[in-house]
């Protein structure tokens, strides 16, 4: 977490608020596109690899990961052809943002990296996966920006985008090497289920798209109502909030496979225990960081540069919603890992539409403060409803 924060500080000081705004829009667009391209493969891999590893079906895991990689490659190629076909209609947009081909390339590397990293978590290599996704990524970004600076390349968003794409490519290769090295080559004699068809992946795909659309919503909507410098200022406040989201991501790496295994065994007692434990850990890890951000916002923001100090109020507004989000725990992951991805999908799509409505209304009337408020309300409300759905699922399992 510290290295992630340090890399953001270095990048912000290196390129300034305006270029930071451009880079932040690239990141948000890339992550949402990655959710589309992977077609739910990372979440599906976490669930199926955990179950197959527990049963000793190692050869199935190899075939599954190959299958999911090819699906992502197909959609990446399709997106490239689709862009090239529609490029003449995007000329005005291309003048103010990173070229879409860079977004597609970054999304592809990010997607494949996530598929294999989620699989690493499912075979018990949580620490390795978290190291690759957080610590090593931050180190690669810091190294990339340093190299760019040494070669006296102009400080702009494009150079940082190049560092991001290269870093994700390296992470993808390392994740593939690690899992192929550590996964046993032998397998018990069991019948392997068929590879998943696209319709089987659809609920996971829908949930993943919605999660990334939720998380990146402010930076998707804000460009309609703010200058690039204002987006950059807002993005730093948002990046600080995502530190808290990353805390939940670490917990998801630990508890996701446990949810999947307990659900496959129909163990409702264990499921309730895991959900309760994850909620307690979420609160324990969340509040110390939240208190620091709430009481010392100016001091924290000044680390990124004086031009980012205006982000203190958006930071506080988003912190309120994030507090509720963290308190409810890993409810979306619980539903996905227990065979109720369709329920999470329905809840998420409803609240996604509600939140984007709030973001556009807030942005139109109040600029970045309105966008911060819309995001805070949307993300908190959605998780409260998902928590209610989790409790309903547990009650159903207990009765059956």
Protein backbone atom coordinates (compact mmCIF):
# COMPACT_ATOMS: atom_id res chain seq x y z
CA UNK A 1 0.00 0.00 0.00
CA UNK A 2 2.84 2.39 0.87
CA UNK A 3 4.57 1.80 -2.46
CA UNK A 4 1.29 2.36 -4.33
CA UNK A 5 0.90 5.69 -2.56
CA UNK A 6 4.54 6.56 -3.24
CA UNK A 7 4.21 5.78 -6.95
CA UNK A 8 1.13 8.02 -7.19
CA UNK A 9 2.98 10.85 -5.39
CA UNK A 10 5.92 10.55 -7.78
CA UNK A 11 3.68 10.48 -10.86
CA UNK A 12 1.55 13.43 -9.68
CA UNK A 13 4.60 15.58 -8.91
CA UNK A 14 6.20 14.55 -12.19
CA UNK A 15 3.34 15.38 -14.58
CA UNK A 16 1.17 17.87 -12.61
CA UNK A 17 -2.62 18.18 -12.22
CA UNK A 18 -3.62 18.60 -15.88
CA UNK A 19 -1.65 15.61 -17.19
CA UNK A 20 -2.68 13.62 -14.11
CA UNK A 21 -6.27 14.18 -15.16
CA UNK A 22 -5.59 12.70 -18.60
CA UNK A 23 -3.75 9.71 -17.11
CA UNK A 24 -6.54 9.08 -14.59
CA UNK A 25 -9.17 9.00 -17.33
CA UNK A 26 -6.97 6.49 -19.20
CA UNK A 27 -6.76 4.26 -16.11
CA UNK A 28 -10.51 4.36 -15.52
CA UNK A 29 -11.27 3.64 -19.18
CA UNK A 30 -8.70 0.85 -19.33
CA UNK A 31 -10.08 -0.92 -16.25
CA UNK A 32 -13.68 -0.76 -17.43
CA UNK A 33 -12.66 -2.03 -20.88
CA UNK A 34 -10.64 -4.82 -19.24
CA UNK A 35 -13.80 -5.97 -17.46
CA UNK A 36 -15.54 -6.19 -20.86
CA UNK A 37 -12.66 -7.99 -22.58
CA UNK A 38 -12.13 -10.65 -19.88
CA UNK A 39 -15.81 -11.65 -19.97
CA UNK A 40 -15.88 -12.44 -16.24
CA UNK A 41 -12.85 -14.75 -16.49
CA UNK A 42 -10.96 -13.49 -13.37
CA UNK A 43 -13.89 -14.12 -11.01
CA UNK A 44 -14.79 -17.40 -12.71
CA UNK A 45 -11.14 -18.53 -12.46
CA UNK A 46 -10.99 -17.73 -8.74
CA UNK A 47 -14.06 -19.90 -8.08
CA UNK A 48 -13.31 -22.86 -10.37
CA UNK A 49 -9.57 -23.03 -9.70
CA UNK A 50 -10.18 -23.07 -5.92
CA UNK A 51 -12.64 -25.97 -6.25
CA UNK A 52 -10.50 -27.91 -8.77
CA UNK A 53 -7.32 -27.43 -6.72
CA UNK A 54 -9.12 -28.67 -3.62
CA UNK A 55 -10.15 -31.81 -5.57
CA UNK A 56 -6.74 -32.36 -7.15
CA UNK A 57 -7.91 -31.68 -10.73
CA UNK A 58 -4.73 -29.91 -11.75
CA UNK A 59 -4.84 -30.66 -15.48
CA UNK A 60 -8.31 -29.11 -15.64
CA UNK A 61 -6.87 -25.89 -14.20
CA UNK A 62 -4.30 -25.70 -17.01
CA UNK A 63 -6.97 -26.20 -19.66
CA UNK A 64 -9.33 -23.75 -18.00
CA UNK A 65 -6.73 -20.95 -17.82
CA UNK A 66 -5.79 -21.52 -21.46
CA UNK A 67 -9.47 -21.38 -22.44
CA UNK A 68 -10.11 -18.15 -20.50
CA UNK A 69 -6.96 -16.55 -21.94
CA UNK A 70 -8.11 -17.31 -25.49
CA UNK A 71 -11.54 -15.80 -24.78
CA UNK A 72 -9.89 -12.58 -23.58
CA UNK A 73 -7.57 -12.53 -26.61
CA UNK A 74 -10.54 -12.95 -28.95
CA UNK A 75 -12.46 -10.04 -27.45
CA UNK A 76 -9.33 -7.87 -27.45
CA UNK A 77 -8.81 -8.49 -31.17
CA UNK A 78 -12.50 -7.91 -31.82
CA UNK A 79 -12.35 -4.58 -29.92
CA UNK A 80 -9.35 -3.50 -31.99
CA UNK A 81 -11.15 -4.20 -35.28
CA UNK A 82 -14.28 -2.49 -33.97
CA UNK A 83 -12.31 0.61 -33.07
CA UNK A 84 -10.55 0.70 -36.45
CA UNK A 85 -13.95 0.46 -38.10
CA UNK A 86 -15.43 3.30 -36.06
CA UNK A 87 -12.29 5.45 -35.73
CA UNK A 88 -13.48 8.18 -38.16
CA UNK A 89 -16.33 8.98 -35.75
CA UNK A 90 -13.95 9.48 -32.79
CA UNK A 91 -11.70 12.19 -34.20
CA UNK A 92 -12.82 14.95 -31.84
CA UNK A 93 -12.46 12.64 -28.82
CA UNK A 94 -8.99 11.49 -29.86
CA UNK A 95 -7.72 15.07 -29.68
CA UNK A 96 -8.25 15.31 -25.91
CA UNK A 97 -7.39 11.87 -24.52
CA UNK A 98 -5.08 8.88 -24.84
CA UNK A 99 -5.42 6.97 -28.10
CA UNK A 100 -7.96 4.09 -27.72
CA UNK A 101 -5.47 1.54 -29.07
CA UNK A 102 -3.31 2.19 -26.00
CA UNK A 103 -6.39 1.66 -23.83
CA UNK A 104 -7.12 -1.68 -25.55
CA UNK A 105 -3.51 -2.84 -25.21
CA UNK A 106 -3.37 -1.91 -21.54
CA UNK A 107 -6.73 -3.59 -20.92
CA UNK A 108 -5.54 -6.84 -22.52
CA UNK A 109 -2.40 -7.13 -20.37
CA UNK A 110 -4.35 -6.10 -17.25
CA UNK A 111 -7.07 -8.72 -17.95
CA UNK A 112 -4.70 -11.66 -18.47
CA UNK A 113 -2.67 -10.63 -15.43
CA UNK A 114 -5.84 -10.63 -13.30
CA UNK A 115 -6.94 -14.07 -14.52
CA UNK A 116 -3.66 -15.65 -13.42
CA UNK A 117 -3.37 -13.61 -10.24
CA UNK A 118 -6.86 -14.60 -9.12
CA UNK A 119 -5.90 -18.22 -9.85
CA UNK A 120 -2.77 -17.86 -7.72
CA UNK A 121 -4.96 -16.82 -4.81
CA UNK A 122 -7.12 -19.89 -5.32
CA UNK A 123 -4.16 -22.29 -5.04
CA UNK A 124 -3.03 -20.74 -1.76
CA UNK A 125 -0.43 -18.29 -3.12
CA UNK A 126 -2.21 -15.20 -1.81
CA UNK A 127 0.96 -13.40 -0.68
CA UNK A 128 2.60 -13.90 -4.07
CA UNK A 129 -0.46 -12.63 -5.92
CA UNK A 130 -0.84 -9.57 -3.72
CA UNK A 131 2.89 -8.84 -4.09
CA UNK A 132 2.61 -8.95 -7.89
CA UNK A 133 -0.55 -6.82 -8.05
CA UNK A 134 0.48 -4.15 -5.56
CA UNK A 135 4.13 -4.00 -4.53
CA UNK A 136 5.75 -5.08 -7.79
CA UNK A 137 3.37 -3.01 -9.93
CA UNK A 138 4.20 0.09 -7.89
CA UNK A 139 7.94 -0.62 -8.15
CA UNK A 140 7.67 -1.09 -11.91
CA UNK A 141 5.75 2.18 -12.27
CA UNK A 142 8.30 4.08 -10.18
CA UNK A 143 11.13 2.54 -12.24
CA UNK A 144 9.38 3.35 -15.51
CA UNK A 145 8.77 6.99 -14.61
CA UNK A 146 12.37 7.32 -13.34
CA UNK A 147 13.74 5.95 -16.63
CA UNK A 148 11.56 8.36 -18.59
CA UNK A 149 12.90 11.22 -16.47
CA UNK A 150 16.52 10.14 -16.97
CA UNK A 151 16.08 10.21 -20.74
CA UNK A 152 14.68 13.75 -20.44
CA UNK A 153 11.40 12.78 -22.10
CA UNK A 154 8.69 15.44 -21.72
CA UNK A 155 6.61 14.98 -18.57
CA UNK A 156 3.17 14.05 -19.88
CA UNK A 157 0.42 11.49 -19.44
CA UNK A 158 1.46 9.47 -22.49
CA UNK A 159 4.85 8.58 -21.02
CA UNK A 160 3.17 7.38 -17.80
CA UNK A 161 0.64 5.38 -19.84
CA UNK A 162 3.56 3.67 -21.57
CA UNK A 163 5.04 2.79 -18.17
CA UNK A 164 1.66 1.40 -17.06
CA UNK A 165 1.22 -0.80 -20.14
CA UNK A 166 4.78 -2.12 -19.85
CA UNK A 167 4.31 -2.84 -16.14
CA UNK A 168 1.10 -4.77 -16.72
CA UNK A 169 2.77 -6.79 -19.50
CA UNK A 170 5.62 -7.76 -17.15
CA UNK A 171 3.13 -8.69 -14.41
CA UNK A 172 1.18 -10.85 -16.84
CA UNK A 173 4.30 -12.79 -17.85
CA UNK A 174 5.43 -13.24 -14.23
CA UNK A 175 1.98 -14.43 -13.10
CA UNK A 176 1.90 -17.03 -15.89
CA UNK A 177 5.41 -18.24 -15.01
CA UNK A 178 4.63 -18.50 -11.29
CA UNK A 179 1.42 -20.48 -11.66
CA UNK A 180 2.81 -22.87 -14.28
CA UNK A 181 5.86 -23.44 -12.08
CA UNK A 182 4.03 -24.10 -8.82
CA UNK A 183 0.92 -25.90 -10.02
CA UNK A 184 1.41 -29.70 -9.75
CA UNK A 185 1.68 -31.47 -13.10
CA UNK A 186 -0.08 -34.65 -11.93
CA UNK A 187 -3.80 -35.05 -11.36
CA UNK A 188 -6.15 -37.48 -9.69
CA UNK A 189 -8.30 -39.61 -11.98
CA UNK A 190 -11.51 -37.64 -12.04
CA UNK A 191 -13.79 -36.66 -14.89
CA UNK A 192 -13.13 -33.08 -15.96
CA UNK A 193 -16.13 -30.83 -16.55
CA UNK A 194 -16.44 -29.17 -19.93
CA UNK A 195 -14.89 -25.78 -20.54
CA UNK A 196 -17.29 -22.91 -19.77
CA UNK A 197 -19.40 -21.56 -22.61
CA UNK A 198 -19.89 -17.82 -22.94
CA UNK A 199 -23.41 -18.00 -21.51
CA UNK A 200 -21.97 -19.63 -18.36
CA UNK A 201 -19.53 -16.75 -17.96
CA UNK A 202 -22.18 -14.08 -18.57
CA UNK A 203 -23.23 -13.53 -14.90
CA UNK A 204 -19.57 -13.23 -13.85
CA UNK A 205 -18.89 -10.92 -16.80
CA UNK A 206 -21.87 -8.73 -15.95
CA UNK A 207 -20.86 -8.47 -12.30
CA UNK A 208 -17.24 -7.70 -13.17
CA UNK A 209 -18.20 -4.98 -15.66
CA UNK A 210 -20.53 -3.44 -13.11
CA UNK A 211 -17.92 -3.56 -10.33
CA UNK A 212 -15.35 -1.75 -12.48
CA UNK A 213 -18.00 0.65 -13.82
CA UNK A 214 -18.94 1.37 -10.22
CA UNK A 215 -15.41 1.86 -8.95
CA UNK A 216 -14.33 4.05 -11.87
CA UNK A 217 -17.64 5.90 -12.31
CA UNK A 218 -16.46 9.33 -11.03
CA UNK A 219 -13.58 9.48 -13.52
CA UNK A 220 -15.81 8.28 -16.36
CA UNK A 221 -18.43 11.00 -15.74
CA UNK A 222 -16.32 13.93 -14.48
CA UNK A 223 -14.74 14.76 -17.90
CA UNK A 224 -18.20 15.96 -19.01
CA UNK A 225 -18.21 18.69 -16.34
CA UNK A 226 -14.61 19.53 -15.44
CA UNK A 227 -11.31 20.62 -16.96
CA UNK A 228 -8.38 18.22 -17.16
CA UNK A 229 -6.71 20.02 -14.23
CA UNK A 230 -9.86 19.64 -12.10
CA UNK A 231 -10.02 15.95 -13.04
CA UNK A 232 -6.40 15.61 -11.91
CA UNK A 233 -7.16 17.26 -8.56
CA UNK A 234 -10.21 15.04 -8.06
CA UNK A 235 -8.29 11.93 -9.14
CA UNK A 236 -5.79 12.26 -6.29
CA UNK A 237 -8.61 12.40 -3.74
CA UNK A 238 -10.13 9.41 -5.47
CA UNK A 239 -6.80 7.54 -5.47
CA UNK A 240 -6.63 7.97 -1.70
CA UNK A 241 -10.12 6.47 -1.46
CA UNK A 242 -9.05 3.52 -3.60
CA UNK A 243 -6.41 2.70 -0.98
CA UNK A 244 -9.36 1.74 1.19
CA UNK A 245 -10.89 -0.24 -1.68
CA UNK A 246 -7.57 -2.06 -2.06
CA UNK A 247 -7.83 -3.13 1.58
CA UNK A 248 -11.03 -4.96 0.67
CA UNK A 249 -9.22 -6.35 -2.37
CA UNK A 250 -6.62 -7.97 -0.12
CA UNK A 251 -9.40 -9.50 1.98
CA UNK A 252 -11.10 -10.74 -1.20
CA UNK A 253 -7.88 -12.54 -2.12
CA UNK A 254 -7.97 -14.33 1.23
CA UNK A 255 -11.68 -15.07 1.59
CA UNK A 256 -12.81 -15.54 -2.04
CA UNK A 257 -11.48 -19.11 -2.37
CA UNK A 258 -12.81 -19.95 1.12
CA UNK A 259 -16.31 -18.81 0.10
CA UNK A 260 -16.12 -20.97 -3.03
CA UNK A 261 -14.99 -24.13 -1.20
CA UNK A 262 -17.53 -23.74 1.62
CA UNK A 263 -20.32 -23.17 -0.92
CA UNK A 264 -19.29 -26.26 -2.91
CA UNK A 265 -19.63 -28.27 0.32
CA UNK A 266 -22.99 -26.60 1.17
CA UNK A 267 -21.57 -25.60 4.55
CA UNK A 268 -23.80 -22.68 5.59
CA UNK A 269 -22.23 -22.51 9.06
CA UNK A 270 -18.77 -22.02 7.59
CA UNK A 271 -20.11 -19.48 5.08
CA UNK A 272 -21.67 -17.38 7.84
CA UNK A 273 -18.49 -17.59 9.89
CA UNK A 274 -16.31 -16.51 6.94
CA UNK A 275 -18.63 -13.60 6.08
CA UNK A 276 -18.61 -12.42 9.71
CA UNK A 277 -14.83 -12.73 10.00
CA UNK A 278 -14.25 -10.84 6.74
CA UNK A 279 -16.49 -8.01 7.94
CA UNK A 280 -14.58 -7.67 11.22
CA UNK A 281 -11.23 -7.64 9.45
CA UNK A 282 -12.52 -5.07 6.98
CA UNK A 283 -13.43 -2.70 9.80
CA UNK A 284 -10.16 -3.32 11.65
CA UNK A 285 -8.05 -2.49 8.59
CA UNK A 286 -10.25 0.30 7.26
CA UNK A 287 -10.76 2.74 10.12
CA UNK A 288 -7.14 3.66 10.98
CA UNK A 289 -6.56 4.76 7.38
CA UNK A 290 -9.96 6.47 7.22
CA UNK A 291 -9.27 8.46 10.38
CA UNK A 292 -5.94 9.72 9.02
CA UNK A 293 -7.59 10.86 5.78
CA UNK A 294 -10.49 12.50 7.67
CA UNK A 295 -8.39 14.51 10.14
CA UNK A 296 -5.33 15.35 8.04
CA UNK A 297 -6.56 15.77 4.44
CA UNK A 298 -4.50 18.88 3.63
CA UNK A 299 -1.31 17.33 4.95
CA UNK A 300 -1.83 14.17 2.89
CA UNK A 301 -2.81 16.01 -0.31
CA UNK A 302 0.18 18.36 -0.04
CA UNK A 303 2.45 15.36 -0.62
CA UNK A 304 1.23 15.27 -4.22
CA UNK A 305 1.80 18.98 -4.81
CA UNK A 306 0.15 22.25 -3.78
CA UNK A 307 -2.20 22.26 -6.78
CA UNK A 308 -3.95 19.13 -5.39
CA UNK A 309 -4.97 20.74 -2.05
CA UNK A 310 -8.39 21.64 -3.48
CA UNK A 311 -9.30 17.96 -3.34
CA UNK A 312 -9.89 17.91 0.43
CA UNK A 313 -13.68 18.34 0.30
CA UNK A 314 -14.30 15.70 -2.41
CA UNK A 315 -12.06 13.39 -0.37
CA UNK A 316 -14.18 13.85 2.76
CA UNK A 317 -17.46 13.35 0.88
CA UNK A 318 -16.28 10.10 -0.72
CA UNK A 319 -14.87 8.93 2.60
CA UNK A 320 -18.38 8.88 4.08
CA UNK A 321 -19.72 6.50 1.45
CA UNK A 322 -16.59 4.38 1.55
CA UNK A 323 -16.98 3.93 5.31
CA UNK A 324 -20.39 2.32 4.78
CA UNK A 325 -19.01 0.30 1.87
CA UNK A 326 -16.24 -1.15 4.06
CA UNK A 327 -18.56 -1.80 7.00
CA UNK A 328 -20.79 -4.09 4.93
CA UNK A 329 -17.81 -6.28 3.97
CA UNK A 330 -17.30 -8.63 1.01
CA UNK A 331 -20.97 -9.03 0.17
CA UNK A 332 -20.63 -8.92 -3.61
CA UNK A 333 -17.87 -11.53 -3.57
CA UNK A 334 -19.94 -13.73 -1.23
CA UNK A 335 -22.84 -13.79 -3.68
CA UNK A 336 -20.58 -14.51 -6.68
CA UNK A 337 -18.66 -17.31 -4.95
CA UNK A 338 -21.79 -19.04 -3.61
CA UNK A 339 -23.54 -19.46 -6.97
CA UNK A 340 -25.65 -16.33 -6.66
CA UNK A 341 -23.83 -14.16 -9.19
CA UNK A 342 -27.18 -13.52 -10.90
CA UNK A 343 -28.55 -11.89 -7.73
CA UNK A 344 -25.48 -9.67 -7.39
CA UNK A 345 -25.78 -8.82 -11.08
CA UNK A 346 -29.40 -7.65 -10.74
CA UNK A 347 -28.64 -5.58 -7.65
CA UNK A 348 -25.55 -4.07 -9.22
CA UNK A 349 -27.17 -3.13 -12.54
CA UNK A 350 -30.01 -1.32 -10.78
CA UNK A 351 -27.70 0.67 -8.54
CA UNK A 352 -25.25 1.30 -11.36
CA UNK A 353 -27.99 3.09 -13.29
CA UNK A 354 -29.04 4.97 -10.15
CA UNK A 355 -25.49 6.04 -9.36
CA UNK A 356 -24.68 7.23 -12.88
CA UNK A 357 -27.90 9.25 -12.77
CA UNK A 358 -26.74 10.81 -9.50
CA UNK A 359 -23.27 11.46 -10.92
CA UNK A 360 -24.58 13.29 -13.98
CA UNK A 361 -27.04 15.33 -11.91
CA UNK A 362 -24.42 16.15 -9.29
CA UNK A 363 -21.80 16.95 -11.90
CA UNK A 364 -24.15 19.22 -13.84
CA UNK A 365 -25.16 21.29 -10.80
CA UNK A 366 -22.12 21.09 -8.49
CA UNK A 367 -19.14 19.90 -10.55
CA UNK A 368 -16.66 17.60 -8.86
CA UNK A 369 -18.36 17.98 -5.45
CA UNK A 370 -21.61 16.70 -6.92
CA UNK A 371 -19.81 13.78 -8.57
CA UNK A 372 -18.18 12.91 -5.23
CA UNK A 373 -21.57 12.97 -3.48
CA UNK A 374 -23.22 10.82 -6.17
CA UNK A 375 -20.44 8.25 -5.93
CA UNK A 376 -20.64 8.18 -2.14
CA UNK A 377 -24.42 7.63 -2.09
CA UNK A 378 -24.38 5.04 -4.86
CA UNK A 379 -21.60 2.81 -3.55
CA UNK A 380 -22.96 2.80 0.01
CA UNK A 381 -26.56 2.05 -0.99
CA UNK A 382 -25.59 -0.80 -3.29
CA UNK A 383 -23.60 -2.65 -0.64
CA UNK A 384 -26.36 -2.32 1.94
CA UNK A 385 -28.79 -4.07 -0.43
CA UNK A 386 -26.18 -6.72 -1.29
CA UNK A 387 -25.69 -7.39 2.43
CA UNK A 388 -29.44 -7.98 2.78
CA UNK A 389 -29.26 -10.44 -0.14
CA UNK A 390 -26.36 -12.29 1.57
CA UNK A 391 -28.37 -12.72 4.75
CA UNK A 392 -31.31 -14.02 2.71
CA UNK A 393 -29.07 -16.57 0.96
CA UNK A 394 -27.69 -17.76 4.30
CA UNK A 395 -31.18 -18.15 5.72
CA UNK A 396 -32.23 -20.19 2.68
CA UNK A 397 -29.20 -22.48 3.05
CA UNK A 398 -29.94 -23.01 6.72
CA UNK A 399 -33.54 -24.07 5.97
CA UNK A 400 -32.44 -26.46 3.22
